[in-house]
PDB file of N, CA and C in Angstrom:
ATOM      1  N   UNK A   1     102.396 111.241 100.241  1.00  0.00           N
ATOM      2  CA  UNK A   1     101.764 109.951  99.776  1.00  0.00           C
ATOM      3  C   UNK A   1     102.755 108.998 100.254  1.00  0.00           C
ATOM      4  N   UNK A   2     102.204 107.880 100.988  1.00  0.00           N
ATOM      5  CA  UNK A   2     103.092 106.739 101.428  1.00  0.00           C
ATOM      6  C   UNK A   2     103.698 105.948 100.351  1.00  0.00           C
ATOM      7  N   UNK A   3     104.779 105.344 100.559  1.00  0.00           N
ATOM      8  CA  UNK A   3     105.406 104.590  99.448  1.00  0.00           C
ATOM      9  C   UNK A   3     104.887 103.110  99.677  1.00  0.00           C
ATOM     10  N   UNK A   4     105.174 102.356  98.644  1.00  0.00           N
ATOM     11  CA  UNK A   4     104.505 100.998  98.598  1.00  0.00           C
ATOM     12  C   UNK A   4     104.874 100.214  99.922  1.00  0.00           C
ATOM     13  N   UNK A   5     106.001 100.200 100.393  1.00  0.00           N
ATOM     14  CA  UNK A   5     106.506  99.313 101.564  1.00  0.00           C
ATOM     15  C   UNK A   5     105.758  99.935 102.805  1.00  0.00           C
ATOM     16  N   UNK A   6     105.491 101.139 102.959  1.00  0.00           N
ATOM     17  CA  UNK A   6     104.635 101.768 104.183  1.00  0.00           C
ATOM     18  C   UNK A   6     103.199 101.378 104.026  1.00  0.00           C
ATOM     19  N   UNK A   7     102.655 101.397 102.771  1.00  0.00           N
ATOM     20  CA  UNK A   7     101.365 100.907 102.550  1.00  0.00           C
ATOM     21  C   UNK A   7     101.191  99.494 102.793  1.00  0.00           C
ATOM     22  N   UNK A   8     102.224  98.789 102.432  1.00  0.00           N
ATOM     23  CA  UNK A   8     102.078  97.210 102.724  1.00  0.00           C
ATOM     24  C   UNK A   8     102.111  96.968 104.152  1.00  0.00           C
ATOM     25  N   UNK A   9     102.968  97.586 104.912  1.00  0.00           N
ATOM     26  CA  UNK A   9     103.132  97.415 106.356  1.00  0.00           C
ATOM     27  C   UNK A   9     101.819  97.935 107.069  1.00  0.00           C
ATOM     28  N   UNK A  10     101.196  99.050 106.460  1.00  0.00           N
ATOM     29  CA  UNK A  10      99.924  99.338 107.096  1.00  0.00           C
ATOM     30  C   UNK A  10      98.870  98.318 106.939  1.00  0.00           C
ATOM     31  N   UNK A  11      98.737  97.899 105.677  1.00  0.00           N
ATOM     32  CA  UNK A  11      97.822  96.949 105.367  1.00  0.00           C
ATOM     33  C   UNK A  11      98.021  95.615 106.242  1.00  0.00           C
ATOM     34  N   UNK A  12      99.264  95.248 106.292  1.00  0.00           N
ATOM     35  CA  UNK A  12      99.510  94.063 107.192  1.00  0.00           C
ATOM     36  C   UNK A  12      99.166  94.146 108.540  1.00  0.00           C
ATOM     37  N   UNK A  13      99.490  95.399 109.213  1.00  0.00           N
ATOM     38  CA  UNK A  13      99.131  95.684 110.612  1.00  0.00           C
ATOM     39  C   UNK A  13      97.561  95.784 110.771  1.00  0.00           C
ATOM     40  N   UNK A  14      96.920  96.381 109.857  1.00  0.00           N
ATOM     41  CA  UNK A  14      95.402  96.433 110.075  1.00  0.00           C
ATOM     42  C   UNK A  14      94.874  95.052 109.768  1.00  0.00           C
ATOM     43  N   UNK A  15      95.295  94.368 108.822  1.00  0.00           N
ATOM     44  CA  UNK A  15      94.796  92.912 108.662  1.00  0.00           C
ATOM     45  C   UNK A  15      94.978  92.116 109.847  1.00  0.00           C
ATOM     46  N   UNK A  16      96.178  92.106 110.423  1.00  0.00           N
ATOM     47  CA  UNK A  16      96.502  91.332 111.477  1.00  0.00           C
ATOM     48  C   UNK A  16      95.609  91.653 112.715  1.00  0.00           C
ATOM     49  N   UNK A  17      95.439  92.961 112.972  1.00  0.00           N
ATOM     50  CA  UNK A  17      94.756  93.362 114.091  1.00  0.00           C
ATOM     51  C   UNK A  17      93.153  92.902 113.843  1.00  0.00           C
ATOM     52  N   UNK A  18      92.565  93.087 112.658  1.00  0.00           N
ATOM     53  CA  UNK A  18      91.395  92.756 112.509  1.00  0.00           C
ATOM     54  C   UNK A  18      91.136  91.183 112.696  1.00  0.00           C
ATOM     55  N   UNK A  19      92.053  90.466 111.914  1.00  0.00           N
ATOM     56  CA  UNK A  19      92.083  88.882 112.059  1.00  0.00           C
ATOM     57  C   UNK A  19      92.147  88.400 113.604  1.00  0.00           C
ATOM     58  N   UNK A  20      93.087  89.035 114.161  1.00  0.00           N
ATOM     59  CA  UNK A  20      93.230  88.615 115.531  1.00  0.00           C
ATOM     60  C   UNK A  20      91.997  88.680 116.464  1.00  0.00           C
ATOM     61  N   UNK A  21      91.355  89.833 116.245  1.00  0.00           N
ATOM     62  CA  UNK A  21      90.101  90.005 116.844  1.00  0.00           C
ATOM     63  C   UNK A  21      88.998  89.087 116.527  1.00  0.00           C
ATOM     64  N   UNK A  22      88.821  88.869 115.271  1.00  0.00           N
ATOM     65  CA  UNK A  22      87.802  87.993 114.654  1.00  0.00           C
ATOM     66  C   UNK A  22      88.038  86.540 115.295  1.00  0.00           C
ATOM     67  N   UNK A  23      89.358  86.073 115.187  1.00  0.00           N
ATOM     68  CA  UNK A  23      89.647  84.888 115.622  1.00  0.00           C
ATOM     69  C   UNK A  23      89.433  84.606 117.159  1.00  0.00           C
ATOM     70  N   UNK A  24      89.576  85.695 117.874  1.00  0.00           N
ATOM     71  CA  UNK A  24      89.146  85.647 119.383  1.00  0.00           C
ATOM     72  C   UNK A  24      87.640  85.757 119.665  1.00  0.00           C
ATOM     73  N   UNK A  25      86.894  85.711 118.566  1.00  0.00           N
ATOM     74  CA  UNK A  25      85.309  85.785 118.721  1.00  0.00           C
ATOM     75  C   UNK A  25      84.685  87.214 118.685  1.00  0.00           C
ATOM     76  N   UNK A  26      85.506  88.300 118.342  1.00  0.00           N
ATOM     77  CA  UNK A  26      84.888  89.530 118.414  1.00  0.00           C
ATOM     78  C   UNK A  26      84.060  89.854 117.282  1.00  0.00           C
ATOM     79  N   UNK A  27      82.987  90.755 117.409  1.00  0.00           N
ATOM     80  CA  UNK A  27      82.154  91.067 116.370  1.00  0.00           C
ATOM     81  C   UNK A  27      83.028  92.077 115.456  1.00  0.00           C
ATOM     82  N   UNK A  28      82.474  92.322 114.273  1.00  0.00           N
ATOM     83  CA  UNK A  28      83.126  93.295 113.253  1.00  0.00           C
ATOM     84  C   UNK A  28      83.490  94.528 113.800  1.00  0.00           C
ATOM     85  N   UNK A  29      82.612  95.227 114.400  1.00  0.00           N
ATOM     86  CA  UNK A  29      82.877  96.422 114.974  1.00  0.00           C
ATOM     87  C   UNK A  29      84.065  96.566 115.834  1.00  0.00           C
ATOM     88  N   UNK A  30      84.175  95.646 116.741  1.00  0.00           N
ATOM     89  CA  UNK A  30      85.392  95.530 117.685  1.00  0.00           C
ATOM     90  C   UNK A  30      86.661  95.369 116.917  1.00  0.00           C
ATOM     91  N   UNK A  31      86.557  94.372 115.925  1.00  0.00           N
ATOM     92  CA  UNK A  31      87.767  94.185 115.046  1.00  0.00           C
ATOM     93  C   UNK A  31      88.030  95.380 114.311  1.00  0.00           C
ATOM     94  N   UNK A  32      87.050  96.165 113.835  1.00  0.00           N
ATOM     95  CA  UNK A  32      87.432  97.353 113.194  1.00  0.00           C
ATOM     96  C   UNK A  32      88.054  98.391 114.008  1.00  0.00           C
ATOM     97  N   UNK A  33      87.674  98.505 115.361  1.00  0.00           N
ATOM     98  CA  UNK A  33      88.145  99.504 116.228  1.00  0.00           C
ATOM     99  C   UNK A  33      89.611  99.097 116.516  1.00  0.00           C
ATOM    100  N   UNK A  34      89.879  97.804 116.530  1.00  0.00           N
ATOM    101  CA  UNK A  34      91.326  97.267 116.793  1.00  0.00           C
ATOM    102  C   UNK A  34      92.176  97.663 115.661  1.00  0.00           C
ATOM    103  N   UNK A  35      91.741  97.580 114.382  1.00  0.00           N
ATOM    104  CA  UNK A  35      92.397  97.925 113.192  1.00  0.00           C
ATOM    105  C   UNK A  35      92.638  99.340 113.078  1.00  0.00           C
ATOM    106  N   UNK A  36      91.776 100.220 113.508  1.00  0.00           N
ATOM    107  CA  UNK A  36      91.977 101.534 113.441  1.00  0.00           C
ATOM    108  C   UNK A  36      93.048 101.993 114.523  1.00  0.00           C
ATOM    109  N   UNK A  37      93.126 101.394 115.728  1.00  0.00           N
ATOM    110  CA  UNK A  37      93.988 101.560 116.810  1.00  0.00           C
ATOM    111  C   UNK A  37      95.387 101.178 116.242  1.00  0.00           C
ATOM    112  N   UNK A  38      95.497 100.001 115.409  1.00  0.00           N
ATOM    113  CA  UNK A  38      96.750  99.616 114.791  1.00  0.00           C
ATOM    114  C   UNK A  38      97.253 100.620 113.829  1.00  0.00           C
ATOM    115  N   UNK A  39      96.273 101.155 113.086  1.00  0.00           N
ATOM    116  CA  UNK A  39      96.755 102.221 112.110  1.00  0.00           C
ATOM    117  C   UNK A  39      97.274 103.532 112.756  1.00  0.00           C
ATOM    118  N   UNK A  40      96.669 103.705 113.895  1.00  0.00           N
ATOM    119  CA  UNK A  40      96.997 105.110 114.585  1.00  0.00           C
ATOM    120  C   UNK A  40      98.193 105.000 115.384  1.00  0.00           C
ATOM    121  N   UNK A  41      98.581 103.559 115.753  1.00  0.00           N
ATOM    122  CA  UNK A  41     100.003 103.330 116.372  1.00  0.00           C
ATOM    123  C   UNK A  41     101.002 103.781 115.248  1.00  0.00           C
ATOM    124  N   UNK A  42     100.837 103.344 114.049  1.00  0.00           N
ATOM    125  CA  UNK A  42     101.730 103.648 113.000  1.00  0.00           C
ATOM    126  C   UNK A  42     101.678 105.080 112.559  1.00  0.00           C
ATOM    127  N   UNK A  43     100.709 105.673 112.819  1.00  0.00           N
ATOM    128  CA  UNK A  43     100.426 107.153 112.188  1.00  0.00           C
ATOM    129  C   UNK A  43      99.747 107.947 113.298  1.00  0.00           C
ATOM    130  N   UNK A  44     100.417 108.250 114.474  1.00  0.00           N
ATOM    131  CA  UNK A  44      99.782 108.989 115.509  1.00  0.00           C
ATOM    132  C   UNK A  44      99.310 110.406 115.192  1.00  0.00           C
ATOM    133  N   UNK A  45      99.842 110.939 114.141  1.00  0.00           N
ATOM    134  CA  UNK A  45      99.439 112.347 113.712  1.00  0.00           C
ATOM    135  C   UNK A  45      98.062 112.307 112.961  1.00  0.00           C
ATOM    136  N   UNK A  46      97.521 111.261 112.633  1.00  0.00           N
ATOM    137  CA  UNK A  46      96.252 111.052 111.819  1.00  0.00           C
ATOM    138  C   UNK A  46      95.027 111.136 112.783  1.00  0.00           C
ATOM    139  N   UNK A  47      94.080 111.887 112.576  1.00  0.00           N
ATOM    140  CA  UNK A  47      92.968 111.962 113.593  1.00  0.00           C
ATOM    141  C   UNK A  47      92.053 110.692 113.460  1.00  0.00           C
ATOM    142  N   UNK A  48      91.411 110.437 114.398  1.00  0.00           N
ATOM    143  CA  UNK A  48      90.594 109.173 114.545  1.00  0.00           C
ATOM    144  C   UNK A  48      89.708 109.005 113.362  1.00  0.00           C
ATOM    145  N   UNK A  49      88.953 110.002 113.056  1.00  0.00           N
ATOM    146  CA  UNK A  49      88.039 109.774 111.856  1.00  0.00           C
ATOM    147  C   UNK A  49      88.756 109.548 110.577  1.00  0.00           C
ATOM    148  N   UNK A  50      89.714 110.255 110.349  1.00  0.00           N
ATOM    149  CA  UNK A  50      90.638 110.071 109.059  1.00  0.00           C
ATOM    150  C   UNK A  50      91.095 108.604 109.007  1.00  0.00           C
ATOM    151  N   UNK A  51      91.659 108.156 110.269  1.00  0.00           N
ATOM    152  CA  UNK A  51      92.025 106.787 110.398  1.00  0.00           C
ATOM    153  C   UNK A  51      91.128 105.811 110.056  1.00  0.00           C
ATOM    154  N   UNK A  52      89.815 105.964 110.515  1.00  0.00           N
ATOM    155  CA  UNK A  52      88.667 105.116 110.378  1.00  0.00           C
ATOM    156  C   UNK A  52      88.413 104.972 108.948  1.00  0.00           C
ATOM    157  N   UNK A  53      88.550 106.116 108.256  1.00  0.00           N
ATOM    158  CA  UNK A  53      88.236 106.072 106.736  1.00  0.00           C
ATOM    159  C   UNK A  53      89.283 105.325 105.836  1.00  0.00           C
ATOM    160  N   UNK A  54      90.489 105.424 106.291  1.00  0.00           N
ATOM    161  CA  UNK A  54      91.675 104.721 105.670  1.00  0.00           C
ATOM    162  C   UNK A  54      91.423 103.277 105.942  1.00  0.00           C
ATOM    163  N   UNK A  55      91.235 102.882 107.186  1.00  0.00           N
ATOM    164  CA  UNK A  55      91.134 101.536 107.516  1.00  0.00           C
ATOM    165  C   UNK A  55      89.878 100.880 106.809  1.00  0.00           C
ATOM    166  N   UNK A  56      88.761 101.726 106.901  1.00  0.00           N
ATOM    167  CA  UNK A  56      87.572 101.183 106.233  1.00  0.00           C
ATOM    168  C   UNK A  56      87.947 100.744 104.672  1.00  0.00           C
ATOM    169  N   UNK A  57      88.552 101.690 104.104  1.00  0.00           N
ATOM    170  CA  UNK A  57      88.846 101.622 102.704  1.00  0.00           C
ATOM    171  C   UNK A  57      89.940 100.405 102.379  1.00  0.00           C
ATOM    172  N   UNK A  58      90.946 100.386 103.288  1.00  0.00           N
ATOM    173  CA  UNK A  58      91.803  99.137 103.178  1.00  0.00           C
ATOM    174  C   UNK A  58      91.222  97.692 103.432  1.00  0.00           C
ATOM    175  N   UNK A  59      90.331  97.707 104.507  1.00  0.00           N
ATOM    176  CA  UNK A  59      89.701  96.283 104.733  1.00  0.00           C
ATOM    177  C   UNK A  59      88.536  96.157 103.600  1.00  0.00           C
ATOM    178  N   UNK A  60      87.970  97.183 103.223  1.00  0.00           N
ATOM    179  CA  UNK A  60      87.041  96.945 102.115  1.00  0.00           C
ATOM    180  C   UNK A  60      87.915  96.457 100.702  1.00  0.00           C
ATOM    181  N   UNK A  61      88.901  96.889 100.486  1.00  0.00           N
ATOM    182  CA  UNK A  61      89.823  96.380  99.364  1.00  0.00           C
ATOM    183  C   UNK A  61      90.297  94.943  99.650  1.00  0.00           C
ATOM    184  N   UNK A  62      90.526  94.529 100.890  1.00  0.00           N
ATOM    185  CA  UNK A  62      90.926  93.313 101.157  1.00  0.00           C
ATOM    186  C   UNK A  62      89.755  92.241 100.757  1.00  0.00           C
ATOM    187  N   UNK A  63      88.561  92.737 101.200  1.00  0.00           N
ATOM    188  CA  UNK A  63      87.443  91.774 101.007  1.00  0.00           C
ATOM    189  C   UNK A  63      86.885  91.852  99.567  1.00  0.00           C
ATOM    190  N   UNK A  64      86.961  93.120  98.995  1.00  0.00           N
ATOM    191  CA  UNK A  64      86.221  93.068  97.577  1.00  0.00           C
ATOM    192  C   UNK A  64      87.111  93.650  96.388  1.00  0.00           C
ATOM    193  N   UNK A  65      88.487  93.858  96.771  1.00  0.00           N
ATOM    194  CA  UNK A  65      89.280  94.365  95.734  1.00  0.00           C
ATOM    195  C   UNK A  65      89.176  95.815  95.553  1.00  0.00           C
ATOM    196  N   UNK A  66      90.318  96.421  95.002  1.00  0.00           N
ATOM    197  CA  UNK A  66      90.159  97.909  94.781  1.00  0.00           C
ATOM    198  C   UNK A  66      89.300  98.241  93.745  1.00  0.00           C
ATOM    199  N   UNK A  67      88.672  99.420  93.869  1.00  0.00           N
ATOM    200  CA  UNK A  67      87.700  99.914  92.841  1.00  0.00           C
ATOM    201  C   UNK A  67      88.548 100.558  91.846  1.00  0.00           C
ATOM    202  N   UNK A  68      88.212 100.360  90.510  1.00  0.00           N
ATOM    203  CA  UNK A  68      88.977 101.041  89.487  1.00  0.00           C
ATOM    204  C   UNK A  68      87.807 101.752  88.455  1.00  0.00           C
ATOM    205  N   UNK A  69      88.087 102.958  88.149  1.00  0.00           N
ATOM    206  CA  UNK A  69      87.281 103.690  87.279  1.00  0.00           C
ATOM    207  C   UNK A  69      87.954 103.823  85.996  1.00  0.00           C
ATOM    208  N   UNK A  70      87.112 103.572  85.020  1.00  0.00           N
ATOM    209  CA  UNK A  70      87.519 103.780  83.664  1.00  0.00           C
ATOM    210  C   UNK A  70      86.884 104.791  82.806  1.00  0.00           C
TER     211      UNK A  70
END
């Protein structure tokens, strides 16, 4: 399990990649692919489909907040 600073750095890298693409006029899918690429640069051992799931969850949390179950 990654520590908080690793998670924070991952989130920052993903958010920056996504934001840069959107500011350049890219559609969401292109921005998402860039964010997955940024994650995989930090974690080259993670498979593409796993990285996509992680990125989806992190981006979703950015926009909607984390889900908590009670």
